[in-house]
Protein backbone atom coordinates (compact mmCIF):
# COMPACT_ATOMS: atom_id res chain seq x y z
CA MET A 1 0.53 -0.24 0.14
CA LYS A 2 2.73 2.47 1.03
CA GLN A 3 4.81 1.54 -2.39
CA LEU A 4 1.30 2.42 -4.35
CA ARG A 5 1.21 5.16 -2.79
CA MET A 6 4.66 6.44 -3.14
CA LEU A 7 4.10 5.73 -6.98
CA PHE A 8 1.15 7.68 -6.97
CA VAL A 9 2.86 10.60 -5.76
CA ALA A 10 5.87 10.03 -8.24
CA ALA A 11 3.22 10.06 -11.05
CA ILE A 12 2.12 13.16 -10.48
CA VAL A 13 5.31 15.12 -9.85
CA ILE A 14 6.66 13.61 -13.21
CA ALA A 15 3.11 14.70 -14.98
CA THR A 16 3.46 17.89 -13.11
CA SER A 17 6.96 18.66 -14.46
CA ALA A 18 5.90 17.61 -18.09
CA ILE A 19 3.38 20.03 -18.44
CA SER A 20 5.43 22.76 -16.92
CA ALA A 21 7.85 22.36 -18.90
CA SER A 22 5.21 22.95 -22.11
CA ALA A 23 2.97 24.97 -20.41
CA GLN A 24 3.16 28.73 -18.84
CA PHE A 25 2.02 29.75 -15.10
CA LYS A 26 1.15 33.46 -14.80
CA TRP A 27 -0.76 35.31 -11.87
CA GLY A 28 -1.36 39.19 -11.01
CA ILE A 29 -4.50 41.61 -10.07
CA GLN A 30 -7.05 43.14 -12.31
CA ALA A 31 -9.72 46.04 -11.43
CA GLY A 32 -12.74 47.70 -13.10
CA ILE A 33 -16.35 48.35 -13.31
CA ALA A 34 -19.11 46.12 -13.83
CA ALA A 35 -22.71 47.65 -15.04
CA ASN A 36 -25.50 45.22 -13.37
CA LYS A 37 -29.23 45.34 -14.91
CA LEU A 38 -31.42 42.68 -13.36
CA HIS A 39 -33.66 40.37 -15.61
CA PHE A 40 -37.43 40.15 -13.98
CA SER A 41 -39.41 37.16 -14.74
CA GLU A 42 -42.16 39.85 -15.55
CA LYS A 43 -42.52 43.30 -16.84
CA THR A 44 -44.15 44.41 -13.50
CA PHE A 45 -40.34 45.78 -12.44
CA GLU A 46 -38.08 47.42 -14.30
CA SER A 47 -34.26 47.50 -14.06
CA SER A 48 -31.50 50.06 -15.23
CA ASN A 49 -27.62 49.33 -15.35
CA ARG A 50 -25.50 51.25 -12.75
CA VAL A 51 -22.47 51.01 -12.45
CA GLY A 52 -20.22 49.17 -9.56
CA PHE A 53 -16.65 47.79 -8.59
CA ALA A 54 -14.76 44.43 -9.51
CA GLY A 55 -11.58 43.54 -8.58
CA GLY A 56 -8.81 41.27 -7.26
CA ALA A 57 -6.48 38.37 -8.02
CA THR A 58 -6.20 36.26 -10.81
CA ALA A 59 -3.92 33.17 -12.25
CA GLU A 60 -3.49 32.11 -15.49
CA PHE A 61 -2.47 28.60 -17.06
CA ASN A 62 -1.62 28.69 -20.48
CA ILE A 63 -0.20 26.25 -23.38
CA PRO A 64 1.44 28.49 -26.01
CA VAL A 65 1.41 25.76 -28.93
CA VAL A 66 -2.19 25.33 -28.51
CA GLY A 67 -2.72 29.09 -27.86
CA ILE A 68 -5.52 28.12 -25.33
CA ALA A 69 -5.38 29.10 -21.52
CA VAL A 70 -7.49 28.03 -18.45
CA GLN A 71 -7.98 31.46 -16.19
CA GLY A 72 -9.14 31.69 -12.78
CA SER A 73 -10.12 34.72 -10.62
CA LEU A 74 -10.95 35.29 -7.08
CA LEU A 75 -12.86 38.76 -7.23
CA TYR A 76 -14.67 41.40 -4.99
CA LEU A 77 -17.65 42.44 -7.08
CA HIS A 78 -20.05 45.24 -6.09
CA ARG A 79 -23.33 45.16 -7.77
CA THR A 80 -25.60 47.89 -8.14
CA SER A 81 -28.75 48.41 -10.22
CA LYS A 82 -31.93 50.84 -9.87
CA VAL A 83 -35.24 49.57 -9.76
CA SER A 84 -38.47 51.10 -10.47
CA GLY A 85 -41.94 49.39 -9.97
CA ASP A 86 -45.36 50.39 -8.61
CA ASP A 87 -44.32 54.13 -7.97
CA ASN A 88 -41.80 53.17 -6.39
CA SER A 89 -37.83 53.62 -7.28
CA PHE A 90 -34.91 52.40 -4.98
CA SER A 91 -31.35 51.44 -5.53
CA TYR A 92 -30.31 47.82 -4.55
CA ASN A 93 -26.83 46.99 -4.03
CA ARG A 94 -25.14 43.58 -3.54
CA ASP A 95 -21.43 42.73 -2.35
CA TYR A 96 -20.20 39.24 -3.86
CA ILE A 97 -17.33 37.47 -3.75
CA THR A 98 -16.98 36.07 -7.24
CA VAL A 99 -14.94 33.09 -9.06
CA PRO A 100 -14.85 32.97 -12.78
CA ILE A 101 -13.13 29.79 -14.67
CA HIS A 102 -12.69 30.96 -18.06
CA LEU A 103 -11.33 28.97 -20.75
CA LYS A 104 -9.43 31.45 -23.06
CA TRP A 105 -8.29 31.20 -26.73
CA GLY A 106 -5.89 33.40 -28.23
CA LEU A 107 -6.08 34.49 -31.96
CA GLY A 108 -2.30 35.13 -32.87
CA LEU A 109 -1.27 38.18 -34.87
CA PRO A 110 1.76 37.62 -36.98
CA ILE A 111 4.54 40.17 -36.51
CA VAL A 112 2.78 42.30 -33.64
CA GLY A 113 1.78 39.11 -31.72
CA ARG A 114 4.41 39.99 -28.79
CA ILE A 115 3.08 43.49 -28.72
CA VAL A 116 -0.54 43.19 -28.97
CA SER A 117 -2.53 39.54 -28.90
CA PRO A 118 -6.80 39.55 -29.04
CA PHE A 119 -8.25 36.69 -27.23
CA ILE A 120 -11.68 35.75 -26.61
CA PHE A 121 -13.33 33.78 -23.42
CA THR A 122 -15.81 31.69 -22.00
CA GLY A 123 -16.89 29.97 -18.94
CA PRO A 124 -18.89 30.09 -15.41
CA SER A 125 -18.75 32.44 -12.79
CA PHE A 126 -20.11 31.27 -9.49
CA SER A 127 -20.91 34.07 -6.70
CA TYR A 128 -21.52 34.08 -3.06
CA MET A 129 -23.08 37.06 -1.73
CA ILE A 130 -21.14 38.65 1.48
CA SER A 131 -23.98 41.76 2.03
CA LYS A 132 -24.82 41.29 5.59
CA ASP A 133 -28.45 42.44 4.48
CA LYS A 134 -30.07 40.31 2.36
CA ASP A 135 -33.41 42.07 2.22
CA VAL A 136 -34.14 45.08 0.44
CA ASN A 137 -37.23 46.78 -0.24
CA GLY A 138 -39.18 43.21 -0.35
CA ILE A 139 -36.22 41.82 -2.95
CA ASN A 140 -34.66 38.75 -1.30
CA SER A 141 -31.16 38.14 -2.74
CA ARG A 142 -30.01 34.41 -2.34
CA LYS A 143 -26.37 33.65 -1.11
CA GLY A 144 -25.10 32.31 -4.19
CA ASP A 145 -25.49 32.40 -7.76
CA ILE A 146 -24.17 30.93 -11.04
CA ALA A 147 -23.41 33.00 -14.36
CA TRP A 148 -22.01 31.84 -17.72
CA ASP A 149 -19.42 34.63 -19.05
CA PHE A 150 -18.65 35.50 -22.63
CA GLY A 151 -15.99 37.91 -23.77
CA ALA A 152 -13.18 39.38 -25.44
CA GLY A 153 -9.73 41.36 -24.74
CA LEU A 154 -6.42 42.23 -25.62
CA THR A 155 -3.11 41.04 -24.06
CA LEU A 156 -0.12 44.07 -24.35
CA ILE A 157 3.36 43.53 -23.99
CA SER A 158 2.79 39.84 -22.96
CA HIS A 159 1.38 41.26 -19.12
CA ILE A 160 -1.28 44.22 -19.83
CA GLN A 161 -4.58 42.64 -19.97
CA VAL A 162 -7.77 44.69 -20.71
CA LYS A 163 -10.75 42.96 -21.17
CA ALA A 164 -14.69 43.47 -21.55
CA GLY A 165 -17.36 40.18 -20.41
CA TYR A 166 -20.93 39.95 -20.26
CA SER A 167 -21.93 37.65 -17.85
CA LEU A 168 -25.45 35.78 -18.35
CA GLY A 169 -27.26 34.95 -14.88
CA CYS A 170 -28.08 31.33 -15.12
CA THR A 171 -29.73 31.00 -11.62
CA ARG A 172 -32.19 32.86 -9.81
CA ALA A 173 -29.91 35.39 -7.73
CA ALA A 174 -33.47 36.86 -6.04
CA GLN A 175 -36.96 37.17 -5.87
CA ILE A 176 -39.04 39.84 -5.09
CA VAL A 177 -41.99 38.96 -2.14
CA ASN A 178 -43.74 42.49 -1.72
CA SER A 179 -47.08 43.42 -2.43
CA GLY A 180 -47.75 40.27 -2.75
CA TYR A 181 -45.64 39.38 -6.15
CA ASN A 182 -43.25 36.43 -6.29
CA ARG A 183 -40.96 37.54 -9.41
CA LYS A 184 -37.62 35.48 -9.79
CA ILE A 185 -34.82 37.57 -10.95
CA ARG A 186 -31.75 36.84 -12.92
CA ASP A 187 -28.52 38.65 -12.37
CA ASN A 188 -27.06 39.92 -15.41
CA TYR A 189 -24.24 42.63 -15.76
CA TRP A 190 -20.97 43.57 -18.04
CA THR A 191 -17.69 43.56 -16.54
CA LEU A 192 -14.50 45.79 -17.70
CA THR A 193 -11.28 45.25 -16.27
CA VAL A 194 -7.31 46.31 -16.46
CA GLY A 195 -4.87 43.76 -15.03
CA TYR A 196 -1.18 42.94 -14.91
CA LEU A 197 0.37 39.63 -15.00
CA PHE A 198 3.74 38.94 -13.60
């Protein structure tokens, strides 16, 4: 049993070394804005975009020959929206820890590829609400929600990364339970971030 365990550990070390030889690992920081718009299951209420903040740490595992990378981040995300309905208008603010996991595909450019390199990305993001107050004006927020992200960006001089993405809410983020309504809400938002990879 002990020999099998040692063999297993050795196999992991060899596999990791082989992957590291052909792949690149980078980490860094990013910050930017998030423009949030809620999507209601019925038109009784409306939401307009408001700008919040996004920022945190990111890591990227890149396979150069294929041009594909896996990028994961740990972000603080402040989502804010203006909600209107029933002659009532108010701001709806929430704070989240969000973990996006993206598959990123670099669109290599000849000659200028080392200076500027465009890419597209997609993948899920998992959010956990850290705001103390879950209930705001009859809107009851769920602690967690999942979105699917789509986006594009540019890598400049191999280190600076500028990207824009759209997150499409896949699960119910909240519901309105006030005044007899019970409307489900999905959270959709745009993000624009600038990051630096070391």
